[in-house]
């Protein structure tokens, strides 16, 4: 008999919860999940996934983002949007598209002519490098040939460029604002003017104590370090020095939050290699909720710990090993 030639096995939230409920003897073969039991199982599954974020299970939750810092702005709240205007213009690195003006844009213009306008669609965020004030941000209203008609961000009002932009000026754009970073792993300064070499310079990630000791936090120059502060619903990112150039962006790798199970048909934000740890971990939690047989509970607890450790070791990835002299 031939093999399936398939490796896309997947479970949704309900299927995993049913599996855990069977392991904890709360659901028999052929039975359906009671609504209240389902709600308890879903709550425990989401709590467990949040706990795992602090337990080193991260390899498939790592993304690459890019932040376009504004002139003189030291603090960026990701992904806070107020009245339609983002605190930080940042996106997934894979969503970022760079272009340039083919014709100079005058102050007061409501449209620009690009070298390759087909890269953008209505609703995209688009940043245009001005001659004297860094990136100016707008929303794409429409694209006609090489001409991009612009809205002011957060409105349906035609744009009014506050500064002129020269021919060949850098243009950047993306569709979707970045997710909240749970933890930034590394950061790099990217030279947007280098369209061939992709020059990137590592940035130093500092703690609160080192950042607060900086005497002039609004100094404008080339960014050399960042400090992150994780809040409940956003991450506050501080850049120093604040940028004084429109060609610098900040690329970074970060650990993101796992996506919740809000509906029974939601797919799990985990690969199949984590399913064993997920279902036994949830079964162990549900055993405490429903007070099952003590021996069964000990069995589930042991299996949950075993499979969790296997998954964490597998998901930790490879890292460089450094040797040094003890002091």
C-alpha atoms as a PDB file:
ATOM      1  CA  UNK A   1       0.000   0.000   0.000  1.00  0.00           C
ATOM      2  CA  UNK A   2       1.455   3.410  -0.930  1.00  0.00           C
ATOM      3  CA  UNK A   3       2.199   6.045   1.701  1.00  0.00           C
ATOM      4  CA  UNK A   4      -0.011   9.136   1.949  1.00  0.00           C
ATOM      5  CA  UNK A   5       2.605  11.635   0.735  1.00  0.00           C
ATOM      6  CA  UNK A   6       1.044  13.969   3.293  1.00  0.00           C
ATOM      7  CA  UNK A   7       2.581  15.641   6.372  1.00  0.00           C
ATOM      8  CA  UNK A   8      -0.126  18.208   7.134  1.00  0.00           C
ATOM      9  CA  UNK A   9      -1.919  16.512  10.043  1.00  0.00           C
ATOM     10  CA  UNK A  10      -3.558  19.141  12.228  1.00  0.00           C
ATOM     11  CA  UNK A  11      -6.110  19.433  15.031  1.00  0.00           C
ATOM     12  CA  UNK A  12      -8.420  22.294  15.877  1.00  0.00           C
ATOM     13  CA  UNK A  13      -9.145  23.508  19.392  1.00  0.00           C
ATOM     14  CA  UNK A  14     -12.200  21.315  19.941  1.00  0.00           C
ATOM     15  CA  UNK A  15     -10.434  18.145  18.795  1.00  0.00           C
ATOM     16  CA  UNK A  16      -7.540  18.734  21.171  1.00  0.00           C
ATOM     17  CA  UNK A  17      -9.883  19.525  24.076  1.00  0.00           C
ATOM     18  CA  UNK A  18     -11.892  16.353  23.383  1.00  0.00           C
ATOM     19  CA  UNK A  19      -8.672  14.336  23.418  1.00  0.00           C
ATOM     20  CA  UNK A  20      -7.659  15.854  26.777  1.00  0.00           C
ATOM     21  CA  UNK A  21     -11.124  15.256  28.226  1.00  0.00           C
ATOM     22  CA  UNK A  22     -10.948  11.598  27.218  1.00  0.00           C
ATOM     23  CA  UNK A  23      -7.527  11.276  28.869  1.00  0.00           C
ATOM     24  CA  UNK A  24      -8.935  12.758  32.076  1.00  0.00           C
ATOM     25  CA  UNK A  25     -11.966  10.432  31.854  1.00  0.00           C
ATOM     26  CA  UNK A  26     -14.424  13.316  31.519  1.00  0.00           C
ATOM     27  CA  UNK A  27     -15.558  12.248  28.044  1.00  0.00           C
ATOM     28  CA  UNK A  28     -16.388   8.792  26.764  1.00  0.00           C
ATOM     29  CA  UNK A  29     -15.972   7.427  23.246  1.00  0.00           C
ATOM     30  CA  UNK A  30     -18.715   8.806  21.024  1.00  0.00           C
ATOM     31  CA  UNK A  31     -19.820  11.433  23.530  1.00  0.00           C
ATOM     32  CA  UNK A  32     -19.999  15.144  22.729  1.00  0.00           C
ATOM     33  CA  UNK A  33     -18.654  17.896  24.962  1.00  0.00           C
ATOM     34  CA  UNK A  34     -21.092  19.614  27.321  1.00  0.00           C
ATOM     35  CA  UNK A  35     -21.127  23.412  26.822  1.00  0.00           C
ATOM     36  CA  UNK A  36     -19.949  24.193  30.359  1.00  0.00           C
ATOM     37  CA  UNK A  37     -17.209  21.546  30.241  1.00  0.00           C
ATOM     38  CA  UNK A  38     -16.104  22.965  26.885  1.00  0.00           C
ATOM     39  CA  UNK A  39     -15.827  26.466  28.363  1.00  0.00           C
ATOM     40  CA  UNK A  40     -13.758  25.156  31.292  1.00  0.00           C
ATOM     41  CA  UNK A  41     -11.472  23.230  28.917  1.00  0.00           C
ATOM     42  CA  UNK A  42     -11.038  26.247  26.609  1.00  0.00           C
ATOM     43  CA  UNK A  43     -10.217  28.523  29.538  1.00  0.00           C
ATOM     44  CA  UNK A  44      -7.596  26.097  30.839  1.00  0.00           C
ATOM     45  CA  UNK A  45      -6.079  25.625  27.381  1.00  0.00           C
ATOM     46  CA  UNK A  46      -5.635  29.373  26.881  1.00  0.00           C
ATOM     47  CA  UNK A  47      -4.194  29.817  30.386  1.00  0.00           C
ATOM     48  CA  UNK A  48      -1.747  26.976  29.774  1.00  0.00           C
ATOM     49  CA  UNK A  49      -0.574  28.461  26.469  1.00  0.00           C
ATOM     50  CA  UNK A  50       0.035  31.801  28.198  1.00  0.00           C
ATOM     51  CA  UNK A  51       2.060  30.018  30.884  1.00  0.00           C
ATOM     52  CA  UNK A  52       4.111  28.264  28.225  1.00  0.00           C
ATOM     53  CA  UNK A  53       5.216  31.642  26.876  1.00  0.00           C
ATOM     54  CA  UNK A  54       7.378  31.965  29.998  1.00  0.00           C
ATOM     55  CA  UNK A  55       8.693  28.398  29.809  1.00  0.00           C
ATOM     56  CA  UNK A  56      11.085  28.416  26.873  1.00  0.00           C
ATOM     57  CA  UNK A  57       8.696  26.960  24.267  1.00  0.00           C
ATOM     58  CA  UNK A  58       9.357  29.555  21.600  1.00  0.00           C
ATOM     59  CA  UNK A  59      10.873  28.367  18.341  1.00  0.00           C
ATOM     60  CA  UNK A  60       7.658  28.541  16.286  1.00  0.00           C
ATOM     61  CA  UNK A  61       6.603  31.777  17.995  1.00  0.00           C
ATOM     62  CA  UNK A  62       9.551  33.822  16.700  1.00  0.00           C
ATOM     63  CA  UNK A  63       8.965  36.490  14.044  1.00  0.00           C
ATOM     64  CA  UNK A  64      11.072  39.133  12.302  1.00  0.00           C
ATOM     65  CA  UNK A  65       9.750  42.680  12.397  1.00  0.00           C
ATOM     66  CA  UNK A  66      10.852  46.080  11.180  1.00  0.00           C
ATOM     67  CA  UNK A  67      10.257  49.471  12.811  1.00  0.00           C
ATOM     68  CA  UNK A  68      10.495  52.767  10.928  1.00  0.00           C
ATOM     69  CA  UNK A  69      11.383  55.327  13.624  1.00  0.00           C
ATOM     70  CA  UNK A  70      10.171  58.897  13.189  1.00  0.00           C
ATOM     71  CA  UNK A  71      12.467  61.895  13.573  1.00  0.00           C
ATOM     72  CA  UNK A  72      13.059  62.722  17.225  1.00  0.00           C
ATOM     73  CA  UNK A  73      10.580  60.100  18.548  1.00  0.00           C
ATOM     74  CA  UNK A  74      12.006  58.160  21.494  1.00  0.00           C
ATOM     75  CA  UNK A  75       9.014  55.984  22.497  1.00  0.00           C
ATOM     76  CA  UNK A  76       7.036  53.598  20.283  1.00  0.00           C
ATOM     77  CA  UNK A  77       4.014  51.685  21.639  1.00  0.00           C
ATOM     78  CA  UNK A  78       3.474  48.533  19.568  1.00  0.00           C
ATOM     79  CA  UNK A  79       0.701  48.024  18.395  1.00  0.00           C
ATOM     80  CA  UNK A  80      -1.192  50.991  19.917  1.00  0.00           C
ATOM     81  CA  UNK A  81      -3.420  52.886  17.468  1.00  0.00           C
ATOM     82  CA  UNK A  82      -5.192  56.084  18.612  1.00  0.00           C
ATOM     83  CA  UNK A  83      -7.913  57.583  16.395  1.00  0.00           C
ATOM     84  CA  UNK A  84      -6.549  55.507  13.508  1.00  0.00           C
ATOM     85  CA  UNK A  85      -2.972  56.760  13.934  1.00  0.00           C
ATOM     86  CA  UNK A  86      -0.330  54.193  15.035  1.00  0.00           C
ATOM     87  CA  UNK A  87       2.168  55.070  17.740  1.00  0.00           C
ATOM     88  CA  UNK A  88       4.713  53.040  15.779  1.00  0.00           C
ATOM     89  CA  UNK A  89       4.890  52.236  12.093  1.00  0.00           C
ATOM     90  CA  UNK A  90       6.155  48.668  12.136  1.00  0.00           C
ATOM     91  CA  UNK A  91       5.335  45.448  10.322  1.00  0.00           C
ATOM     92  CA  UNK A  92       6.495  41.921   9.699  1.00  0.00           C
ATOM     93  CA  UNK A  93       9.718  41.985   7.717  1.00  0.00           C
ATOM     94  CA  UNK A  94       8.019  39.804   5.084  1.00  0.00           C
ATOM     95  CA  UNK A  95       5.262  42.443   4.642  1.00  0.00           C
ATOM     96  CA  UNK A  96       7.669  45.329   4.044  1.00  0.00           C
ATOM     97  CA  UNK A  97       8.048  46.676   0.498  1.00  0.00           C
ATOM     98  CA  UNK A  98      10.484  49.402  -0.527  1.00  0.00           C
ATOM     99  CA  UNK A  99      10.208  51.751  -3.492  1.00  0.00           C
ATOM    100  CA  UNK A 100      11.270  55.239  -4.547  1.00  0.00           C
ATOM    101  CA  UNK A 101       9.823  58.382  -6.077  1.00  0.00           C
ATOM    102  CA  UNK A 102      10.309  58.660  -9.821  1.00  0.00           C
ATOM    103  CA  UNK A 103       9.218  62.310  -9.742  1.00  0.00           C
ATOM    104  CA  UNK A 104       9.863  64.861  -6.994  1.00  0.00           C
ATOM    105  CA  UNK A 105       6.838  65.580  -4.789  1.00  0.00           C
ATOM    106  CA  UNK A 106       6.062  69.154  -3.777  1.00  0.00           C
ATOM    107  CA  UNK A 107       4.863  70.236  -0.346  1.00  0.00           C
ATOM    108  CA  UNK A 108       1.060  70.158  -0.309  1.00  0.00           C
ATOM    109  CA  UNK A 109       0.795  67.305  -2.836  1.00  0.00           C
ATOM    110  CA  UNK A 110      -1.906  64.640  -2.356  1.00  0.00           C
ATOM    111  CA  UNK A 111      -0.315  62.023  -4.603  1.00  0.00           C
ATOM    112  CA  UNK A 112       3.131  60.729  -5.534  1.00  0.00           C
ATOM    113  CA  UNK A 113       4.606  58.997  -8.574  1.00  0.00           C
ATOM    114  CA  UNK A 114       6.591  55.861  -7.804  1.00  0.00           C
ATOM    115  CA  UNK A 115       9.091  53.753  -9.681  1.00  0.00           C
ATOM    116  CA  UNK A 116       6.915  50.662  -9.184  1.00  0.00           C
ATOM    117  CA  UNK A 117       3.479  51.570  -7.810  1.00  0.00           C
ATOM    118  CA  UNK A 118       2.012  48.102  -8.391  1.00  0.00           C
ATOM    119  CA  UNK A 119       3.641  47.035  -5.102  1.00  0.00           C
ATOM    120  CA  UNK A 120       0.948  48.879  -3.130  1.00  0.00           C
ATOM    121  CA  UNK A 121      -2.821  48.584  -2.811  1.00  0.00           C
ATOM    122  CA  UNK A 122      -5.577  50.679  -1.237  1.00  0.00           C
ATOM    123  CA  UNK A 123      -5.335  50.655   2.559  1.00  0.00           C
ATOM    124  CA  UNK A 124      -1.563  50.161   2.753  1.00  0.00           C
ATOM    125  CA  UNK A 125       0.542  52.342   5.014  1.00  0.00           C
ATOM    126  CA  UNK A 126       3.141  54.248   3.006  1.00  0.00           C
ATOM    127  CA  UNK A 127       6.087  56.315   4.232  1.00  0.00           C
ATOM    128  CA  UNK A 128       7.836  58.889   2.033  1.00  0.00           C
ATOM    129  CA  UNK A 129      11.278  60.254   2.895  1.00  0.00           C
ATOM    130  CA  UNK A 130      11.134  64.053   2.963  1.00  0.00           C
ATOM    131  CA  UNK A 131      14.084  66.334   2.341  1.00  0.00           C
ATOM    132  CA  UNK A 132      14.164  67.658   5.899  1.00  0.00           C
ATOM    133  CA  UNK A 133      11.930  65.713   8.272  1.00  0.00           C
ATOM    134  CA  UNK A 134      12.317  61.969   7.822  1.00  0.00           C
ATOM    135  CA  UNK A 135       9.498  59.641   6.783  1.00  0.00           C
ATOM    136  CA  UNK A 136       6.062  61.160   6.264  1.00  0.00           C
ATOM    137  CA  UNK A 137       3.266  58.585   6.710  1.00  0.00           C
ATOM    138  CA  UNK A 138       0.018  58.243   4.778  1.00  0.00           C
ATOM    139  CA  UNK A 139      -2.565  55.647   3.745  1.00  0.00           C
ATOM    140  CA  UNK A 140      -2.926  54.551   0.119  1.00  0.00           C
ATOM    141  CA  UNK A 141      -6.268  55.700  -1.290  1.00  0.00           C
ATOM    142  CA  UNK A 142      -5.880  54.352  -4.825  1.00  0.00           C
ATOM    143  CA  UNK A 143      -3.215  53.421  -7.366  1.00  0.00           C
ATOM    144  CA  UNK A 144      -3.484  54.590 -10.984  1.00  0.00           C
ATOM    145  CA  UNK A 145      -0.519  53.473 -13.074  1.00  0.00           C
ATOM    146  CA  UNK A 146       2.562  54.777 -11.278  1.00  0.00           C
ATOM    147  CA  UNK A 147       0.589  57.383  -9.345  1.00  0.00           C
ATOM    148  CA  UNK A 148      -0.434  56.665  -5.743  1.00  0.00           C
ATOM    149  CA  UNK A 149      -3.215  58.842  -4.338  1.00  0.00           C
ATOM    150  CA  UNK A 150      -2.897  59.353  -0.599  1.00  0.00           C
ATOM    151  CA  UNK A 151      -5.084  59.814   2.468  1.00  0.00           C
ATOM    152  CA  UNK A 152      -4.010  61.300   5.774  1.00  0.00           C
ATOM    153  CA  UNK A 153      -3.555  58.411   8.235  1.00  0.00           C
ATOM    154  CA  UNK A 154      -6.708  57.715  10.237  1.00  0.00           C
ATOM    155  CA  UNK A 155      -8.959  59.688   7.858  1.00  0.00           C
ATOM    156  CA  UNK A 156     -10.475  59.644   4.382  1.00  0.00           C
ATOM    157  CA  UNK A 157      -9.135  63.131   3.722  1.00  0.00           C
ATOM    158  CA  UNK A 158      -6.791  63.697   0.800  1.00  0.00           C
ATOM    159  CA  UNK A 159      -3.187  63.975   1.935  1.00  0.00           C
ATOM    160  CA  UNK A 160      -1.302  67.236   2.169  1.00  0.00           C
ATOM    161  CA  UNK A 161       2.436  66.588   2.151  1.00  0.00           C
ATOM    162  CA  UNK A 162       3.945  68.839   4.839  1.00  0.00           C
ATOM    163  CA  UNK A 163       7.395  68.711   3.236  1.00  0.00           C
ATOM    164  CA  UNK A 164       8.810  68.301  -0.246  1.00  0.00           C
ATOM    165  CA  UNK A 165      10.406  65.013  -1.304  1.00  0.00           C
ATOM    166  CA  UNK A 166      13.025  64.713  -4.021  1.00  0.00           C
ATOM    167  CA  UNK A 167      13.112  62.323  -6.973  1.00  0.00           C
ATOM    168  CA  UNK A 168      14.585  58.947  -5.967  1.00  0.00           C
ATOM    169  CA  UNK A 169      13.513  59.556  -2.332  1.00  0.00           C
ATOM    170  CA  UNK A 170      13.005  56.343  -0.332  1.00  0.00           C
ATOM    171  CA  UNK A 171       9.429  55.062  -0.098  1.00  0.00           C
ATOM    172  CA  UNK A 172       8.454  52.249   2.252  1.00  0.00           C
ATOM    173  CA  UNK A 173       5.113  50.544   2.707  1.00  0.00           C
ATOM    174  CA  UNK A 174       3.270  47.639   4.275  1.00  0.00           C
ATOM    175  CA  UNK A 175      -0.247  46.318   4.747  1.00  0.00           C
ATOM    176  CA  UNK A 176      -0.582  45.171   8.356  1.00  0.00           C
ATOM    177  CA  UNK A 177       0.721  46.682  11.589  1.00  0.00           C
ATOM    178  CA  UNK A 178       3.006  44.474  13.674  1.00  0.00           C
ATOM    179  CA  UNK A 179       1.845  42.210  16.520  1.00  0.00           C
ATOM    180  CA  UNK A 180       2.894  42.945  20.079  1.00  0.00           C
ATOM    181  CA  UNK A 181       6.426  41.686  20.754  1.00  0.00           C
ATOM    182  CA  UNK A 182       6.493  39.616  23.931  1.00  0.00           C
ATOM    183  CA  UNK A 183      10.287  39.683  24.069  1.00  0.00           C
ATOM    184  CA  UNK A 184      12.787  41.155  21.599  1.00  0.00           C
ATOM    185  CA  UNK A 185      15.669  38.737  21.063  1.00  0.00           C
ATOM    186  CA  UNK A 186      17.969  40.847  18.901  1.00  0.00           C
ATOM    187  CA  UNK A 187      17.842  44.097  16.946  1.00  0.00           C
ATOM    188  CA  UNK A 188      19.644  45.567  13.938  1.00  0.00           C
ATOM    189  CA  UNK A 189      19.873  48.967  12.286  1.00  0.00           C
ATOM    190  CA  UNK A 190      19.000  48.630   8.593  1.00  0.00           C
ATOM    191  CA  UNK A 191      20.269  51.023   5.936  1.00  0.00           C
ATOM    192  CA  UNK A 192      17.321  51.526   3.564  1.00  0.00           C
ATOM    193  CA  UNK A 193      19.469  53.514   1.122  1.00  0.00           C
ATOM    194  CA  UNK A 194      21.600  50.426   0.464  1.00  0.00           C
ATOM    195  CA  UNK A 195      19.351  48.576  -2.005  1.00  0.00           C
ATOM    196  CA  UNK A 196      21.978  45.982  -2.970  1.00  0.00           C
ATOM    197  CA  UNK A 197      24.037  45.000   0.059  1.00  0.00           C
ATOM    198  CA  UNK A 198      21.423  45.077   2.794  1.00  0.00           C
ATOM    199  CA  UNK A 199      23.776  46.604   5.372  1.00  0.00           C
ATOM    200  CA  UNK A 200      22.692  45.829   8.942  1.00  0.00           C
ATOM    201  CA  UNK A 201      24.431  46.907  12.152  1.00  0.00           C
ATOM    202  CA  UNK A 202      23.633  45.169  15.484  1.00  0.00           C
ATOM    203  CA  UNK A 203      21.932  47.310  18.143  1.00  0.00           C
ATOM    204  CA  UNK A 204      22.474  46.840  21.864  1.00  0.00           C
ATOM    205  CA  UNK A 205      19.425  45.817  23.913  1.00  0.00           C
ATOM    206  CA  UNK A 206      19.689  47.427  27.347  1.00  0.00           C
ATOM    207  CA  UNK A 207      17.729  47.174  30.597  1.00  0.00           C
ATOM    208  CA  UNK A 208      15.687  49.821  32.367  1.00  0.00           C
ATOM    209  CA  UNK A 209      18.552  50.898  34.668  1.00  0.00           C
ATOM    210  CA  UNK A 210      20.943  51.598  31.785  1.00  0.00           C
ATOM    211  CA  UNK A 211      18.306  53.391  29.735  1.00  0.00           C
ATOM    212  CA  UNK A 212      17.132  55.615  32.598  1.00  0.00           C
ATOM    213  CA  UNK A 213      20.735  56.757  33.202  1.00  0.00           C
ATOM    214  CA  UNK A 214      20.930  58.345  29.729  1.00  0.00           C
ATOM    215  CA  UNK A 215      20.981  62.125  30.385  1.00  0.00           C
ATOM    216  CA  UNK A 216      19.553  63.286  27.040  1.00  0.00           C
ATOM    217  CA  UNK A 217      16.969  60.809  25.804  1.00  0.00           C
ATOM    218  CA  UNK A 218      15.895  63.059  22.905  1.00  0.00           C
ATOM    219  CA  UNK A 219      19.359  63.348  21.379  1.00  0.00           C
ATOM    220  CA  UNK A 220      19.018  62.973  17.599  1.00  0.00           C
ATOM    221  CA  UNK A 221      21.614  60.948  15.721  1.00  0.00           C
ATOM    222  CA  UNK A 222      21.951  57.325  14.562  1.00  0.00           C
ATOM    223  CA  UNK A 223      20.244  54.756  16.875  1.00  0.00           C
ATOM    224  CA  UNK A 224      22.661  52.479  18.720  1.00  0.00           C
ATOM    225  CA  UNK A 225      20.509  50.870  21.435  1.00  0.00           C
ATOM    226  CA  UNK A 226      16.936  50.008  22.398  1.00  0.00           C
ATOM    227  CA  UNK A 227      15.078  49.286  25.613  1.00  0.00           C
ATOM    228  CA  UNK A 228      11.764  47.373  25.719  1.00  0.00           C
ATOM    229  CA  UNK A 229       9.067  47.438  28.383  1.00  0.00           C
ATOM    230  CA  UNK A 230       6.306  44.831  27.991  1.00  0.00           C
ATOM    231  CA  UNK A 231       2.863  46.083  28.997  1.00  0.00           C
ATOM    232  CA  UNK A 232      -0.443  44.182  29.198  1.00  0.00           C
ATOM    233  CA  UNK A 233      -1.653  44.945  25.688  1.00  0.00           C
ATOM    234  CA  UNK A 234       1.394  46.483  24.026  1.00  0.00           C
ATOM    235  CA  UNK A 235       5.172  46.692  24.165  1.00  0.00           C
ATOM    236  CA  UNK A 236       6.801  50.065  24.758  1.00  0.00           C
ATOM    237  CA  UNK A 237      10.029  50.373  22.791  1.00  0.00           C
ATOM    238  CA  UNK A 238      12.551  53.137  23.486  1.00  0.00           C
ATOM    239  CA  UNK A 239      15.177  54.008  20.867  1.00  0.00           C
ATOM    240  CA  UNK A 240      18.355  55.971  21.592  1.00  0.00           C
ATOM    241  CA  UNK A 241      19.550  58.165  20.105  1.00  0.00           C
ATOM    242  CA  UNK A 242      16.338  59.119  18.338  1.00  0.00           C
ATOM    243  CA  UNK A 243      16.840  59.030  14.600  1.00  0.00           C
ATOM    244  CA  UNK A 244      17.800  62.096  12.607  1.00  0.00           C
ATOM    245  CA  UNK A 245      17.857  60.298   9.248  1.00  0.00           C
ATOM    246  CA  UNK A 246      15.123  58.882   7.009  1.00  0.00           C
ATOM    247  CA  UNK A 247      17.210  56.001   5.673  1.00  0.00           C
ATOM    248  CA  UNK A 248      17.497  54.056   8.951  1.00  0.00           C
ATOM    249  CA  UNK A 249      15.010  51.416  10.059  1.00  0.00           C
ATOM    250  CA  UNK A 250      15.256  48.938  12.924  1.00  0.00           C
ATOM    251  CA  UNK A 251      14.920  45.234  12.206  1.00  0.00           C
ATOM    252  CA  UNK A 252      14.371  42.882  15.113  1.00  0.00           C
ATOM    253  CA  UNK A 253      13.553  39.277  15.981  1.00  0.00           C
ATOM    254  CA  UNK A 254      10.980  38.783  18.693  1.00  0.00           C
ATOM    255  CA  UNK A 255       8.907  36.236  20.543  1.00  0.00           C
ATOM    256  CA  UNK A 256       5.218  36.846  19.936  1.00  0.00           C
ATOM    257  CA  UNK A 257       2.183  35.805  21.939  1.00  0.00           C
ATOM    258  CA  UNK A 258       0.479  32.549  20.994  1.00  0.00           C
ATOM    259  CA  UNK A 259      -2.893  33.032  19.363  1.00  0.00           C
ATOM    260  CA  UNK A 260      -5.885  32.244  21.575  1.00  0.00           C
ATOM    261  CA  UNK A 261      -8.463  29.543  20.997  1.00  0.00           C
ATOM    262  CA  UNK A 262     -11.609  31.659  20.805  1.00  0.00           C
ATOM    263  CA  UNK A 263     -13.739  29.209  18.832  1.00  0.00           C
ATOM    264  CA  UNK A 264     -13.894  25.426  18.651  1.00  0.00           C
ATOM    265  CA  UNK A 265     -12.889  25.507  14.978  1.00  0.00           C
ATOM    266  CA  UNK A 266      -9.782  27.656  15.563  1.00  0.00           C
ATOM    267  CA  UNK A 267      -6.568  25.954  14.518  1.00  0.00           C
ATOM    268  CA  UNK A 268      -3.870  25.580  17.148  1.00  0.00           C
ATOM    269  CA  UNK A 269      -0.957  28.020  16.987  1.00  0.00           C
ATOM    270  CA  UNK A 270       1.400  25.056  17.486  1.00  0.00           C
ATOM    271  CA  UNK A 271       2.855  22.410  15.150  1.00  0.00           C
ATOM    272  CA  UNK A 272       1.772  18.757  15.491  1.00  0.00           C
ATOM    273  CA  UNK A 273       5.021  18.023  17.372  1.00  0.00           C
ATOM    274  CA  UNK A 274       3.470  19.867  20.337  1.00  0.00           C
ATOM    275  CA  UNK A 275       0.112  18.079  20.361  1.00  0.00           C
ATOM    276  CA  UNK A 276       1.157  15.366  22.807  1.00  0.00           C
ATOM    277  CA  UNK A 277       2.386  17.937  25.318  1.00  0.00           C
ATOM    278  CA  UNK A 278      -0.733  20.052  24.751  1.00  0.00           C
ATOM    279  CA  UNK A 279      -3.279  17.306  25.286  1.00  0.00           C
ATOM    280  CA  UNK A 280      -1.563  15.723  28.303  1.00  0.00           C
ATOM    281  CA  UNK A 281      -0.875  19.144  29.804  1.00  0.00           C
ATOM    282  CA  UNK A 282      -4.534  20.094  29.423  1.00  0.00           C
ATOM    283  CA  UNK A 283      -5.693  16.695  30.722  1.00  0.00           C
ATOM    284  CA  UNK A 284      -3.552  17.178  33.847  1.00  0.00           C
ATOM    285  CA  UNK A 285      -5.122  20.597  34.454  1.00  0.00           C
ATOM    286  CA  UNK A 286      -8.626  19.282  33.869  1.00  0.00           C
ATOM    287  CA  UNK A 287      -8.007  16.455  36.315  1.00  0.00           C
ATOM    288  CA  UNK A 288      -7.522  19.070  39.028  1.00  0.00           C
ATOM    289  CA  UNK A 289     -10.648  20.947  37.910  1.00  0.00           C
ATOM    290  CA  UNK A 290     -12.826  17.842  37.978  1.00  0.00           C
ATOM    291  CA  UNK A 291     -11.133  15.949  40.851  1.00  0.00           C
ATOM    292  CA  UNK A 292     -10.497  12.614  39.093  1.00  0.00           C
ATOM    293  CA  UNK A 293      -9.032   9.412  40.589  1.00  0.00           C
ATOM    294  CA  UNK A 294      -5.732  10.088  42.369  1.00  0.00           C
ATOM    295  CA  UNK A 295      -3.769   7.418  40.512  1.00  0.00           C
ATOM    296  CA  UNK A 296      -5.038   8.709  37.187  1.00  0.00           C
ATOM    297  CA  UNK A 297      -4.050  12.235  38.200  1.00  0.00           C
ATOM    298  CA  UNK A 298      -0.496  11.166  39.055  1.00  0.00           C
ATOM    299  CA  UNK A 299      -0.252   9.381  35.710  1.00  0.00           C
ATOM    300  CA  UNK A 300      -1.427  12.473  33.812  1.00  0.00           C
ATOM    301  CA  UNK A 301       0.889  14.774  35.785  1.00  0.00           C
ATOM    302  CA  UNK A 302       3.904  12.578  35.013  1.00  0.00           C
ATOM    303  CA  UNK A 303       3.070  12.288  31.321  1.00  0.00           C
ATOM    304  CA  UNK A 304       2.389  16.024  31.054  1.00  0.00           C
ATOM    305  CA  UNK A 305       5.796  16.836  32.538  1.00  0.00           C
ATOM    306  CA  UNK A 306       7.562  14.252  30.371  1.00  0.00           C
ATOM    307  CA  UNK A 307       6.038  15.427  27.097  1.00  0.00           C
ATOM    308  CA  UNK A 308       6.479  19.083  28.006  1.00  0.00           C
ATOM    309  CA  UNK A 309      10.206  18.608  28.590  1.00  0.00           C
ATOM    310  CA  UNK A 310      10.597  16.692  25.316  1.00  0.00           C
ATOM    311  CA  UNK A 311       8.795  19.471  23.446  1.00  0.00           C
ATOM    312  CA  UNK A 312      10.746  22.261  25.159  1.00  0.00           C
ATOM    313  CA  UNK A 313      14.074  20.572  24.384  1.00  0.00           C
ATOM    314  CA  UNK A 314      13.042  20.067  20.766  1.00  0.00           C
ATOM    315  CA  UNK A 315      11.770  23.626  20.350  1.00  0.00           C
ATOM    316  CA  UNK A 316      14.718  25.400  21.947  1.00  0.00           C
ATOM    317  CA  UNK A 317      16.749  25.346  18.722  1.00  0.00           C
ATOM    318  CA  UNK A 318      20.521  25.528  18.470  1.00  0.00           C
ATOM    319  CA  UNK A 319      22.596  28.281  19.999  1.00  0.00           C
ATOM    320  CA  UNK A 320      26.216  29.313  19.879  1.00  0.00           C
ATOM    321  CA  UNK A 321      28.397  28.222  22.773  1.00  0.00           C
ATOM    322  CA  UNK A 322      30.805  30.792  24.156  1.00  0.00           C
ATOM    323  CA  UNK A 323      33.822  30.106  26.312  1.00  0.00           C
ATOM    324  CA  UNK A 324      35.445  32.676  28.530  1.00  0.00           C
ATOM    325  CA  UNK A 325      37.709  33.135  31.510  1.00  0.00           C
ATOM    326  CA  UNK A 326      35.981  33.178  34.902  1.00  0.00           C
ATOM    327  CA  UNK A 327      36.560  36.273  36.967  1.00  0.00           C
END
